[in-house]
Amino acid sequence: MTVTAACRTMSPRRSAARTAAVAALSAAALLGGGLTAQAAAPNRTTGATVELAPAGALATQCYYRVNASGGLQIRSGPGTSYRVVGSYANGSTILASASTTNGFRKVGTNRWVSSAYTVRITSYPCE
């Protein structure tokens, strides 16, 4: 692999701006930007300010892949005694609560799925 002269001689100001832009994009993705997080390039004279989540803040939702050959039933509450209100196809990507209640993850208002058939997708950050 060949490194060009432009890459080796980047000015300190340009390097700092690029580092700030990368930090802003990373923070946006981690702090709820989801899959479409975007950040503007920092102003060259003022730099960029990145706000971080408060200490102790926990992710509440994560992305999961449905791992149930016949699909995954969506129930109206966190248990098998609740009625079925829909389903997800095997392999679907869903956004669900990071925590569980009675072995079920919340996927919406009065919508729950069994956590036994969900696999966390680690390439996406939790929100």
C-alpha atoms as a PDB file:
ATOM      1  CA  MET A   1       0.000   0.000   0.000  1.00  0.00           C
ATOM      2  CA  THR A   2       1.379   3.406  -0.985  1.00  0.00           C
ATOM      3  CA  VAL A   3       0.994   6.475   1.221  1.00  0.00           C
ATOM      4  CA  THR A   4       0.749   9.753  -0.681  1.00  0.00           C
ATOM      5  CA  ALA A   5       2.688  12.842   0.301  1.00  0.00           C
ATOM      6  CA  ALA A   6      -0.563  14.696   1.050  1.00  0.00           C
ATOM      7  CA  CYS A   7      -1.427  12.215   3.785  1.00  0.00           C
ATOM      8  CA  ARG A   8       1.981  12.466   5.417  1.00  0.00           C
ATOM      9  CA  THR A   9       2.136  16.261   5.458  1.00  0.00           C
ATOM     10  CA  MET A  10      -1.304  17.179   6.800  1.00  0.00           C
ATOM     11  CA  SER A  11      -1.243  20.472   8.675  1.00  0.00           C
ATOM     12  CA  PRO A  12      -1.915  20.392  12.442  1.00  0.00           C
ATOM     13  CA  ARG A  13      -5.044  22.568  11.961  1.00  0.00           C
ATOM     14  CA  ARG A  14      -6.479  20.211   9.300  1.00  0.00           C
ATOM     15  CA  SER A  15      -5.583  17.162  11.398  1.00  0.00           C
ATOM     16  CA  ALA A  16      -7.366  18.645  14.439  1.00  0.00           C
ATOM     17  CA  ALA A  17     -10.454  19.449  12.332  1.00  0.00           C
ATOM     18  CA  ARG A  18     -10.550  15.900  10.954  1.00  0.00           C
ATOM     19  CA  THR A  19     -10.170  14.438  14.474  1.00  0.00           C
ATOM     20  CA  ALA A  20     -13.008  16.648  15.745  1.00  0.00           C
ATOM     21  CA  ALA A  21     -15.250  15.612  12.847  1.00  0.00           C
ATOM     22  CA  VAL A  22     -14.615  11.919  13.526  1.00  0.00           C
ATOM     23  CA  ALA A  23     -15.341  12.451  17.227  1.00  0.00           C
ATOM     24  CA  ALA A  24     -18.582  14.302  16.428  1.00  0.00           C
ATOM     25  CA  LEU A  25     -19.766  11.547  14.083  1.00  0.00           C
ATOM     26  CA  SER A  26     -18.917   8.861  16.634  1.00  0.00           C
ATOM     27  CA  ALA A  27     -20.715  10.722  19.409  1.00  0.00           C
ATOM     28  CA  ALA A  28     -23.777  11.274  17.207  1.00  0.00           C
ATOM     29  CA  ALA A  29     -23.966   7.560  16.458  1.00  0.00           C
ATOM     30  CA  LEU A  30     -23.597   6.638  20.126  1.00  0.00           C
ATOM     31  CA  LEU A  31     -26.006   9.248  21.442  1.00  0.00           C
ATOM     32  CA  GLY A  32     -29.117   8.329  19.545  1.00  0.00           C
ATOM     33  CA  GLY A  33     -28.255   9.144  15.971  1.00  0.00           C
ATOM     34  CA  GLY A  34     -29.046   5.549  15.065  1.00  0.00           C
ATOM     35  CA  LEU A  35     -28.165   4.321  11.620  1.00  0.00           C
ATOM     36  CA  THR A  36     -28.351   7.705   9.907  1.00  0.00           C
ATOM     37  CA  ALA A  37     -26.189   9.801  12.227  1.00  0.00           C
ATOM     38  CA  GLN A  38     -24.582  12.769  10.508  1.00  0.00           C
ATOM     39  CA  ALA A  39     -22.524  15.682  11.741  1.00  0.00           C
ATOM     40  CA  ALA A  40     -21.386  18.841  10.036  1.00  0.00           C
ATOM     41  CA  ALA A  41     -17.696  19.521   9.588  1.00  0.00           C
ATOM     42  CA  PRO A  42     -16.347  21.651  12.437  1.00  0.00           C
ATOM     43  CA  ASN A  43     -15.716  25.348  11.902  1.00  0.00           C
ATOM     44  CA  ARG A  44     -11.998  25.843  11.327  1.00  0.00           C
ATOM     45  CA  THR A  45     -11.709  28.797  13.681  1.00  0.00           C
ATOM     46  CA  THR A  46     -13.895  27.648  16.565  1.00  0.00           C
ATOM     47  CA  GLY A  47     -13.517  23.847  16.509  1.00  0.00           C
ATOM     48  CA  ALA A  48     -16.333  21.503  17.513  1.00  0.00           C
ATOM     49  CA  THR A  49     -18.032  20.868  20.812  1.00  0.00           C
ATOM     50  CA  VAL A  50     -19.321  17.363  21.472  1.00  0.00           C
ATOM     51  CA  GLU A  51     -21.829  16.823  24.274  1.00  0.00           C
ATOM     52  CA  LEU A  52     -21.644  13.452  25.969  1.00  0.00           C
ATOM     53  CA  ALA A  53     -24.398  11.537  27.729  1.00  0.00           C
ATOM     54  CA  PRO A  54     -24.653  12.107  31.479  1.00  0.00           C
ATOM     55  CA  ALA A  55     -22.686   9.732  33.671  1.00  0.00           C
ATOM     56  CA  GLY A  56     -24.718   6.631  34.425  1.00  0.00           C
ATOM     57  CA  ALA A  57     -26.976   7.002  31.372  1.00  0.00           C
ATOM     58  CA  LEU A  58     -27.816   3.578  29.996  1.00  0.00           C
ATOM     59  CA  ALA A  59     -28.880   2.554  26.520  1.00  0.00           C
ATOM     60  CA  THR A  60     -32.562   1.738  26.469  1.00  0.00           C
ATOM     61  CA  GLN A  61     -32.941   0.185  23.012  1.00  0.00           C
ATOM     62  CA  CYS A  62     -30.709  -1.983  20.838  1.00  0.00           C
ATOM     63  CA  TYR A  63     -30.932  -3.579  17.411  1.00  0.00           C
ATOM     64  CA  TYR A  64     -31.689  -7.296  17.294  1.00  0.00           C
ATOM     65  CA  ARG A  65     -32.031  -9.915  14.565  1.00  0.00           C
ATOM     66  CA  VAL A  66     -34.988 -12.302  14.741  1.00  0.00           C
ATOM     67  CA  ASN A  67     -33.699 -15.873  15.072  1.00  0.00           C
ATOM     68  CA  ALA A  68     -36.871 -17.993  14.842  1.00  0.00           C
ATOM     69  CA  SER A  69     -37.300 -20.256  11.799  1.00  0.00           C
ATOM     70  CA  GLY A  70     -41.092 -19.840  11.748  1.00  0.00           C
ATOM     71  CA  GLY A  71     -40.994 -16.119  12.549  1.00  0.00           C
ATOM     72  CA  LEU A  72     -41.426 -14.356  15.883  1.00  0.00           C
ATOM     73  CA  GLN A  73     -44.817 -13.538  17.359  1.00  0.00           C
ATOM     74  CA  ILE A  74     -45.475 -10.059  18.711  1.00  0.00           C
ATOM     75  CA  ARG A  75     -47.644 -10.163  21.831  1.00  0.00           C
ATOM     76  CA  SER A  76     -49.666  -7.499  23.621  1.00  0.00           C
ATOM     77  CA  GLY A  77     -47.779  -8.081  26.889  1.00  0.00           C
ATOM     78  CA  PRO A  78     -44.638  -9.707  28.314  1.00  0.00           C
ATOM     79  CA  GLY A  79     -45.759 -13.346  28.418  1.00  0.00           C
ATOM     80  CA  THR A  80     -47.200 -16.204  26.379  1.00  0.00           C
ATOM     81  CA  SER A  81     -50.650 -15.684  27.927  1.00  0.00           C
ATOM     82  CA  TYR A  82     -51.001 -12.334  26.103  1.00  0.00           C
ATOM     83  CA  ARG A  83     -52.673 -12.301  22.693  1.00  0.00           C
ATOM     84  CA  VAL A  84     -50.672 -12.314  19.446  1.00  0.00           C
ATOM     85  CA  VAL A  85     -50.923  -8.951  17.657  1.00  0.00           C
ATOM     86  CA  GLY A  86     -48.436  -9.481  14.819  1.00  0.00           C
ATOM     87  CA  SER A  87     -45.209 -11.196  13.839  1.00  0.00           C
ATOM     88  CA  TYR A  88     -41.701 -10.621  12.479  1.00  0.00           C
ATOM     89  CA  ALA A  89     -40.145 -12.788   9.768  1.00  0.00           C
ATOM     90  CA  ASN A  90     -37.001 -14.776  10.562  1.00  0.00           C
ATOM     91  CA  GLY A  91     -33.934 -12.613   9.909  1.00  0.00           C
ATOM     92  CA  SER A  92     -35.753  -9.296  10.425  1.00  0.00           C
ATOM     93  CA  THR A  93     -33.882  -6.476  12.158  1.00  0.00           C
ATOM     94  CA  ILE A  94     -35.847  -4.920  15.011  1.00  0.00           C
ATOM     95  CA  LEU A  95     -35.284  -2.153  17.548  1.00  0.00           C
ATOM     96  CA  ALA A  96     -36.217  -3.443  21.012  1.00  0.00           C
ATOM     97  CA  SER A  97     -35.613  -2.683  24.679  1.00  0.00           C
ATOM     98  CA  ALA A  98     -32.188  -3.634  25.990  1.00  0.00           C
ATOM     99  CA  SER A  99     -33.741  -4.954  29.196  1.00  0.00           C
ATOM    100  CA  THR A 100     -36.208  -7.807  29.518  1.00  0.00           C
ATOM    101  CA  THR A 101     -39.386  -8.368  31.512  1.00  0.00           C
ATOM    102  CA  ASN A 102     -40.376 -11.974  32.148  1.00  0.00           C
ATOM    103  CA  GLY A 103     -38.079 -13.018  29.248  1.00  0.00           C
ATOM    104  CA  PHE A 104     -39.659 -10.562  26.785  1.00  0.00           C
ATOM    105  CA  ARG A 105     -38.340  -7.406  25.089  1.00  0.00           C
ATOM    106  CA  LYS A 106     -40.567  -4.385  24.467  1.00  0.00           C
ATOM    107  CA  VAL A 107     -40.747  -3.389  20.779  1.00  0.00           C
ATOM    108  CA  GLY A 108     -43.473  -0.727  21.020  1.00  0.00           C
ATOM    109  CA  THR A 109     -46.540   0.348  22.939  1.00  0.00           C
ATOM    110  CA  ASN A 110     -48.206  -2.889  24.066  1.00  0.00           C
ATOM    111  CA  ARG A 111     -45.872  -4.867  21.768  1.00  0.00           C
ATOM    112  CA  TRP A 112     -43.504  -7.536  23.142  1.00  0.00           C
ATOM    113  CA  VAL A 113     -41.351 -10.360  21.701  1.00  0.00           C
ATOM    114  CA  SER A 114     -39.601 -13.291  23.358  1.00  0.00           C
ATOM    115  CA  SER A 115     -35.948 -12.439  24.042  1.00  0.00           C
ATOM    116  CA  ALA A 116     -35.032 -16.113  23.476  1.00  0.00           C
ATOM    117  CA  TYR A 117     -35.458 -15.544  19.720  1.00  0.00           C
ATOM    118  CA  THR A 118     -33.549 -12.257  19.416  1.00  0.00           C
ATOM    119  CA  VAL A 119     -29.815 -11.893  18.813  1.00  0.00           C
ATOM    120  CA  ARG A 120     -28.099  -8.563  19.508  1.00  0.00           C
ATOM    121  CA  ILE A 121     -26.545  -6.932  16.426  1.00  0.00           C
ATOM    122  CA  THR A 122     -23.285  -5.551  17.819  1.00  0.00           C
ATOM    123  CA  SER A 123     -22.354  -3.588  14.681  1.00  0.00           C
ATOM    124  CA  TYR A 124     -25.106  -1.049  15.531  1.00  0.00           C
ATOM    125  CA  PRO A 125     -24.879   1.036  18.699  1.00  0.00           C
ATOM    126  CA  CYS A 126     -27.642   0.922  21.284  1.00  0.00           C
ATOM    127  CA  GLU A 127     -29.680   4.088  21.702  1.00  0.00           C
END
